[in-house]
Amino acid sequence: MLPVAADRGGLVQSAVTIMKKIIKPLLLLLLCAPVLSFAHTDNHDADEEEAECENHLAESFPELLKPYARLECDQFIVNPDGWQWRYPSSYFDRPYIPAFAPKPKKQVAGMRVFKQLVAEEVAATQIAELHESKFSKIRTYKQSQPPHRLVRLKATNDLGDSMDVWFGFLNGDKGWVSICSPVCAPEYFFLFERLKH
């Protein structure tokens, strides 16, 4: 027979008492959890969507861009119905313009929202100059000719970070977008075109 170690100071009894105190509540919780999860069956999806997505600026989104872009949840500018946004080398990834600036002034946790969106048509005399001085330096910009129309959207978020979003129109059905904050980087360049039905 093997020797049994002596119980020093009731350690074995304390361990049994602690196990009873822990295991009983855990078993009870495991048995009751499924019942509690199905006890509340009201559908609050609409309330959750409303609470998660506020669109205060949707009505004030610039008229110049409403046919080509729309604001979603005050956090993103996305393609509207009937239009496709895509990166130059992909038909699968869907670009969007987020309210957080690529190069923020300061790092602050949490989601960013747009606070101001102002669009202006660029004068025809400036388009060729911007084509040469700004856009032709972007590696993913493959346009040999300047766009026939150019709109600059100045987007400012809740932290005061601003970015210029340039919409270059090649014709009435297609064009490109370049996000500059302040540099126009190739990864922030994408194409847009009207979907053919």
C-alpha atoms as a PDB file:
ATOM      1  CA  MET A   1       0.000   0.000   0.000  1.00  0.00           C
ATOM      2  CA  LEU A   2       1.229   3.484  -0.880  1.00  0.00           C
ATOM      3  CA  PRO A   3       1.697   6.015   1.868  1.00  0.00           C
ATOM      4  CA  VAL A   4      -0.920   8.792   1.974  1.00  0.00           C
ATOM      5  CA  ALA A   5       0.256  12.334   2.610  1.00  0.00           C
ATOM      6  CA  ALA A   6      -1.147  13.916   5.692  1.00  0.00           C
ATOM      7  CA  ASP A   7      -3.741  16.707   5.240  1.00  0.00           C
ATOM      8  CA  ARG A   8      -1.973  19.859   6.359  1.00  0.00           C
ATOM      9  CA  GLY A   9      -4.268  22.519   7.690  1.00  0.00           C
ATOM     10  CA  GLY A  10      -7.382  21.325   5.901  1.00  0.00           C
ATOM     11  CA  LEU A  11      -6.073  22.023   2.353  1.00  0.00           C
ATOM     12  CA  VAL A  12      -7.934  19.060   0.874  1.00  0.00           C
ATOM     13  CA  GLN A  13     -11.179  20.105   2.551  1.00  0.00           C
ATOM     14  CA  SER A  14     -10.753  23.717   1.333  1.00  0.00           C
ATOM     15  CA  ALA A  15     -10.184  22.548  -2.247  1.00  0.00           C
ATOM     16  CA  VAL A  16     -13.364  20.433  -2.147  1.00  0.00           C
ATOM     17  CA  THR A  17     -15.372  23.358  -0.765  1.00  0.00           C
ATOM     18  CA  ILE A  18     -14.050  25.720  -3.454  1.00  0.00           C
ATOM     19  CA  MET A  19     -14.825  23.192  -6.208  1.00  0.00           C
ATOM     20  CA  LYS A  20     -18.409  22.858  -4.952  1.00  0.00           C
ATOM     21  CA  LYS A  21     -18.806  26.626  -4.919  1.00  0.00           C
ATOM     22  CA  ILE A  22     -17.497  26.958  -8.491  1.00  0.00           C
ATOM     23  CA  ILE A  23     -18.916  23.871 -10.189  1.00  0.00           C
ATOM     24  CA  LYS A  24     -22.510  24.222  -8.959  1.00  0.00           C
ATOM     25  CA  PRO A  25     -22.990  27.775 -10.375  1.00  0.00           C
ATOM     26  CA  LEU A  26     -21.258  26.828 -13.643  1.00  0.00           C
ATOM     27  CA  LEU A  27     -23.529  23.825 -14.169  1.00  0.00           C
ATOM     28  CA  LEU A  28     -26.577  25.929 -13.360  1.00  0.00           C
ATOM     29  CA  LEU A  29     -25.440  28.603 -15.815  1.00  0.00           C
ATOM     30  CA  LEU A  30     -24.866  26.024 -18.567  1.00  0.00           C
ATOM     31  CA  LEU A  31     -28.349  24.594 -18.057  1.00  0.00           C
ATOM     32  CA  CYS A  32     -30.090  27.983 -17.981  1.00  0.00           C
ATOM     33  CA  ALA A  33     -28.170  29.796 -20.750  1.00  0.00           C
ATOM     34  CA  PRO A  34     -30.145  28.301 -23.682  1.00  0.00           C
ATOM     35  CA  VAL A  35     -33.436  29.150 -21.982  1.00  0.00           C
ATOM     36  CA  LEU A  36     -32.337  32.735 -21.304  1.00  0.00           C
ATOM     37  CA  SER A  37     -31.099  33.271 -24.854  1.00  0.00           C
ATOM     38  CA  PHE A  38     -34.487  32.333 -26.358  1.00  0.00           C
ATOM     39  CA  ALA A  39     -36.597  34.032 -23.694  1.00  0.00           C
ATOM     40  CA  HIS A  40     -36.493  37.418 -25.502  1.00  0.00           C
ATOM     41  CA  THR A  41     -37.828  36.948 -29.034  1.00  0.00           C
ATOM     42  CA  ASP A  42     -38.850  40.492 -30.061  1.00  0.00           C
ATOM     43  CA  ASN A  43     -37.246  41.658 -33.306  1.00  0.00           C
ATOM     44  CA  HIS A  44     -35.236  44.804 -32.728  1.00  0.00           C
ATOM     45  CA  ASP A  45     -33.204  44.697 -35.962  1.00  0.00           C
ATOM     46  CA  ALA A  46     -34.753  47.941 -37.182  1.00  0.00           C
ATOM     47  CA  ASP A  47     -33.928  49.694 -33.898  1.00  0.00           C
ATOM     48  CA  GLU A  48     -30.340  48.401 -33.971  1.00  0.00           C
ATOM     49  CA  GLU A  49     -29.811  49.531 -37.564  1.00  0.00           C
ATOM     50  CA  GLU A  50     -31.205  52.952 -36.735  1.00  0.00           C
ATOM     51  CA  ALA A  51     -29.056  53.256 -33.640  1.00  0.00           C
ATOM     52  CA  GLU A  52     -25.901  52.081 -35.430  1.00  0.00           C
ATOM     53  CA  CYS A  53     -26.391  54.134 -38.579  1.00  0.00           C
ATOM     54  CA  GLU A  54     -27.164  57.815 -38.329  1.00  0.00           C
ATOM     55  CA  ASN A  55     -27.318  59.743 -41.583  1.00  0.00           C
ATOM     56  CA  HIS A  56     -27.428  63.406 -40.581  1.00  0.00           C
ATOM     57  CA  LEU A  57     -25.539  64.649 -43.651  1.00  0.00           C
ATOM     58  CA  ALA A  58     -27.336  62.546 -46.280  1.00  0.00           C
ATOM     59  CA  GLU A  59     -29.661  65.396 -47.279  1.00  0.00           C
ATOM     60  CA  SER A  60     -26.802  67.878 -47.485  1.00  0.00           C
ATOM     61  CA  PHE A  61     -24.577  65.643 -49.635  1.00  0.00           C
ATOM     62  CA  PRO A  62     -23.339  67.838 -52.513  1.00  0.00           C
ATOM     63  CA  GLU A  63     -25.734  67.917 -55.485  1.00  0.00           C
ATOM     64  CA  LEU A  64     -22.787  67.868 -57.922  1.00  0.00           C
ATOM     65  CA  LEU A  65     -21.954  64.331 -56.815  1.00  0.00           C
ATOM     66  CA  LYS A  66     -25.351  62.810 -55.976  1.00  0.00           C
ATOM     67  CA  PRO A  67     -25.617  60.912 -59.280  1.00  0.00           C
ATOM     68  CA  TYR A  68     -22.160  59.299 -58.755  1.00  0.00           C
ATOM     69  CA  ALA A  69     -21.817  58.837 -54.968  1.00  0.00           C
ATOM     70  CA  ARG A  70     -23.872  58.671 -51.803  1.00  0.00           C
ATOM     71  CA  LEU A  71     -23.257  58.972 -48.086  1.00  0.00           C
ATOM     72  CA  GLU A  72     -23.797  55.933 -45.880  1.00  0.00           C
ATOM     73  CA  CYS A  73     -24.163  56.240 -42.099  1.00  0.00           C
ATOM     74  CA  ASP A  74     -22.207  59.546 -42.113  1.00  0.00           C
ATOM     75  CA  GLN A  75     -19.107  57.303 -42.126  1.00  0.00           C
ATOM     76  CA  PHE A  76     -18.615  56.237 -45.739  1.00  0.00           C
ATOM     77  CA  ILE A  77     -19.084  57.595 -49.239  1.00  0.00           C
ATOM     78  CA  VAL A  78     -20.062  54.711 -51.509  1.00  0.00           C
ATOM     79  CA  ASN A  79     -21.314  54.069 -55.021  1.00  0.00           C
ATOM     80  CA  PRO A  80     -25.028  54.661 -55.621  1.00  0.00           C
ATOM     81  CA  ASP A  81     -27.351  52.196 -57.323  1.00  0.00           C
ATOM     82  CA  GLY A  82     -26.623  51.942 -61.022  1.00  0.00           C
ATOM     83  CA  TRP A  83     -22.914  52.705 -60.643  1.00  0.00           C
ATOM     84  CA  GLN A  84     -19.926  50.456 -60.039  1.00  0.00           C
ATOM     85  CA  TRP A  85     -16.800  51.502 -58.183  1.00  0.00           C
ATOM     86  CA  ARG A  86     -13.730  49.279 -58.574  1.00  0.00           C
ATOM     87  CA  TYR A  87      -9.972  49.301 -58.276  1.00  0.00           C
ATOM     88  CA  PRO A  88      -8.092  49.372 -61.606  1.00  0.00           C
ATOM     89  CA  SER A  89      -6.964  45.748 -61.370  1.00  0.00           C
ATOM     90  CA  SER A  90     -10.028  44.225 -59.687  1.00  0.00           C
ATOM     91  CA  TYR A  91     -13.714  43.702 -60.302  1.00  0.00           C
ATOM     92  CA  PHE A  92     -14.286  42.146 -56.888  1.00  0.00           C
ATOM     93  CA  ASP A  93     -13.092  44.555 -54.188  1.00  0.00           C
ATOM     94  CA  ARG A  94     -15.560  47.387 -53.645  1.00  0.00           C
ATOM     95  CA  PRO A  95     -13.883  50.717 -52.857  1.00  0.00           C
ATOM     96  CA  TYR A  96     -15.420  53.238 -50.494  1.00  0.00           C
ATOM     97  CA  ILE A  97     -14.316  56.553 -49.053  1.00  0.00           C
ATOM     98  CA  PRO A  98     -14.098  56.354 -45.243  1.00  0.00           C
ATOM     99  CA  ALA A  99     -14.480  59.262 -42.840  1.00  0.00           C
ATOM    100  CA  PHE A 100     -11.159  58.417 -41.214  1.00  0.00           C
ATOM    101  CA  ALA A 101      -8.299  60.170 -42.980  1.00  0.00           C
ATOM    102  CA  PRO A 102      -5.424  58.032 -44.251  1.00  0.00           C
ATOM    103  CA  LYS A 103      -3.007  60.343 -42.400  1.00  0.00           C
ATOM    104  CA  PRO A 104      -4.862  61.669 -39.326  1.00  0.00           C
ATOM    105  CA  LYS A 105      -3.525  64.619 -37.308  1.00  0.00           C
ATOM    106  CA  LYS A 106      -3.908  62.574 -34.122  1.00  0.00           C
ATOM    107  CA  GLN A 107      -4.790  58.984 -33.271  1.00  0.00           C
ATOM    108  CA  VAL A 108      -8.171  58.715 -31.539  1.00  0.00           C
ATOM    109  CA  ALA A 109     -10.016  55.438 -31.018  1.00  0.00           C
ATOM    110  CA  GLY A 110     -13.514  54.906 -32.387  1.00  0.00           C
ATOM    111  CA  MET A 111     -15.353  55.370 -35.645  1.00  0.00           C
ATOM    112  CA  ARG A 112     -15.041  58.640 -37.526  1.00  0.00           C
ATOM    113  CA  VAL A 113     -17.962  60.467 -39.140  1.00  0.00           C
ATOM    114  CA  PHE A 114     -18.060  63.165 -41.774  1.00  0.00           C
ATOM    115  CA  LYS A 115     -18.982  66.600 -40.458  1.00  0.00           C
ATOM    116  CA  GLN A 116     -18.662  68.645 -43.634  1.00  0.00           C
ATOM    117  CA  LEU A 117     -18.749  67.811 -47.352  1.00  0.00           C
ATOM    118  CA  VAL A 118     -18.213  70.583 -49.909  1.00  0.00           C
ATOM    119  CA  ALA A 119     -17.931  69.962 -53.652  1.00  0.00           C
ATOM    120  CA  GLU A 120     -16.799  72.375 -56.333  1.00  0.00           C
ATOM    121  CA  GLU A 121     -16.407  72.101 -60.070  1.00  0.00           C
ATOM    122  CA  VAL A 122     -12.803  72.717 -61.122  1.00  0.00           C
ATOM    123  CA  ALA A 123     -12.356  75.329 -63.851  1.00  0.00           C
ATOM    124  CA  ALA A 124     -11.538  73.899 -67.283  1.00  0.00           C
ATOM    125  CA  THR A 125      -8.317  75.927 -67.377  1.00  0.00           C
ATOM    126  CA  GLN A 126      -7.018  74.134 -64.244  1.00  0.00           C
ATOM    127  CA  ILE A 127      -7.874  70.562 -65.279  1.00  0.00           C
ATOM    128  CA  ALA A 128      -4.886  70.080 -67.629  1.00  0.00           C
ATOM    129  CA  GLU A 129      -2.494  71.528 -65.036  1.00  0.00           C
ATOM    130  CA  LEU A 130      -3.807  69.219 -62.272  1.00  0.00           C
ATOM    131  CA  HIS A 131      -3.635  66.264 -64.683  1.00  0.00           C
ATOM    132  CA  GLU A 132       0.097  66.913 -65.179  1.00  0.00           C
ATOM    133  CA  SER A 133       1.122  68.138 -61.724  1.00  0.00           C
ATOM    134  CA  LYS A 134      -0.984  65.896 -59.460  1.00  0.00           C
ATOM    135  CA  PHE A 135      -2.683  62.911 -61.062  1.00  0.00           C
ATOM    136  CA  SER A 136      -0.143  61.717 -63.638  1.00  0.00           C
ATOM    137  CA  LYS A 137       2.278  61.087 -60.737  1.00  0.00           C
ATOM    138  CA  ILE A 138      -0.035  58.439 -59.281  1.00  0.00           C
ATOM    139  CA  ARG A 139       1.246  54.999 -60.302  1.00  0.00           C
ATOM    140  CA  THR A 140      -2.268  53.579 -60.864  1.00  0.00           C
ATOM    141  CA  TYR A 141      -3.414  56.592 -62.912  1.00  0.00           C
ATOM    142  CA  LYS A 142      -3.217  55.406 -66.531  1.00  0.00           C
ATOM    143  CA  GLN A 143      -4.979  58.299 -68.269  1.00  0.00           C
ATOM    144  CA  SER A 144      -2.999  59.900 -71.085  1.00  0.00           C
ATOM    145  CA  GLN A 145      -5.531  62.730 -71.456  1.00  0.00           C
ATOM    146  CA  PRO A 146      -6.968  64.936 -68.713  1.00  0.00           C
ATOM    147  CA  PRO A 147     -10.594  64.338 -67.733  1.00  0.00           C
ATOM    148  CA  HIS A 148     -13.146  66.482 -69.531  1.00  0.00           C
ATOM    149  CA  ARG A 149     -14.639  67.404 -66.130  1.00  0.00           C
ATOM    150  CA  LEU A 150     -13.179  67.465 -62.600  1.00  0.00           C
ATOM    151  CA  VAL A 151     -14.967  67.868 -59.237  1.00  0.00           C
ATOM    152  CA  ARG A 152     -13.133  68.342 -55.942  1.00  0.00           C
ATOM    153  CA  LEU A 153     -14.898  67.148 -52.788  1.00  0.00           C
ATOM    154  CA  LYS A 154     -13.419  68.494 -49.559  1.00  0.00           C
ATOM    155  CA  ALA A 155     -14.420  66.018 -46.861  1.00  0.00           C
ATOM    156  CA  THR A 156     -13.826  66.877 -43.191  1.00  0.00           C
ATOM    157  CA  ASN A 157     -14.392  64.448 -40.321  1.00  0.00           C
ATOM    158  CA  ASP A 158     -15.296  64.920 -36.651  1.00  0.00           C
ATOM    159  CA  LEU A 159     -11.616  65.353 -35.683  1.00  0.00           C
ATOM    160  CA  GLY A 160     -11.097  68.130 -38.220  1.00  0.00           C
ATOM    161  CA  ASP A 161      -9.054  65.926 -40.574  1.00  0.00           C
ATOM    162  CA  SER A 162      -9.683  66.897 -44.193  1.00  0.00           C
ATOM    163  CA  MET A 163      -9.062  65.123 -47.443  1.00  0.00           C
ATOM    164  CA  ASP A 164      -9.577  66.098 -51.054  1.00  0.00           C
ATOM    165  CA  VAL A 165     -11.518  63.562 -53.074  1.00  0.00           C
ATOM    166  CA  TRP A 166     -11.175  64.225 -56.805  1.00  0.00           C
ATOM    167  CA  PHE A 167     -13.794  62.892 -59.243  1.00  0.00           C
ATOM    168  CA  GLY A 168     -12.420  62.911 -62.786  1.00  0.00           C
ATOM    169  CA  PHE A 169     -15.032  62.384 -65.513  1.00  0.00           C
ATOM    170  CA  LEU A 170     -13.816  60.782 -68.744  1.00  0.00           C
ATOM    171  CA  ASN A 171     -17.331  60.932 -70.186  1.00  0.00           C
ATOM    172  CA  GLY A 172     -20.886  60.757 -68.841  1.00  0.00           C
ATOM    173  CA  ASP A 173     -20.586  57.036 -68.046  1.00  0.00           C
ATOM    174  CA  LYS A 174     -17.134  56.571 -66.521  1.00  0.00           C
ATOM    175  CA  GLY A 175     -14.334  58.211 -64.646  1.00  0.00           C
ATOM    176  CA  TRP A 176     -11.968  57.878 -61.702  1.00  0.00           C
ATOM    177  CA  VAL A 177     -11.614  58.937 -58.059  1.00  0.00           C
ATOM    178  CA  SER A 178      -8.412  59.944 -56.285  1.00  0.00           C
ATOM    179  CA  ILE A 179      -8.290  60.481 -52.516  1.00  0.00           C
ATOM    180  CA  CYS A 180      -5.538  62.891 -51.466  1.00  0.00           C
ATOM    181  CA  SER A 181      -4.735  63.394 -47.795  1.00  0.00           C
ATOM    182  CA  PRO A 182      -2.602  65.382 -48.636  1.00  0.00           C
ATOM    183  CA  VAL A 183      -0.659  63.061 -50.974  1.00  0.00           C
ATOM    184  CA  CYS A 184      -2.549  61.234 -53.735  1.00  0.00           C
ATOM    185  CA  ALA A 185      -1.451  57.628 -53.157  1.00  0.00           C
ATOM    186  CA  PRO A 186      -1.984  54.818 -55.711  1.00  0.00           C
ATOM    187  CA  GLU A 187      -3.937  52.709 -53.216  1.00  0.00           C
ATOM    188  CA  TYR A 188      -6.477  55.538 -52.878  1.00  0.00           C
ATOM    189  CA  PHE A 189      -7.255  55.641 -56.600  1.00  0.00           C
ATOM    190  CA  PHE A 190     -10.201  53.797 -58.175  1.00  0.00           C
ATOM    191  CA  LEU A 191     -12.526  53.819 -61.174  1.00  0.00           C
ATOM    192  CA  PHE A 192     -16.261  54.325 -61.519  1.00  0.00           C
ATOM    193  CA  GLU A 193     -18.647  53.509 -64.343  1.00  0.00           C
ATOM    194  CA  ARG A 194     -22.354  53.341 -65.007  1.00  0.00           C
ATOM    195  CA  LEU A 195     -23.722  49.798 -65.008  1.00  0.00           C
ATOM    196  CA  LYS A 196     -25.240  48.668 -68.272  1.00  0.00           C
ATOM    197  CA  HIS A 197     -28.648  47.019 -67.922  1.00  0.00           C
END
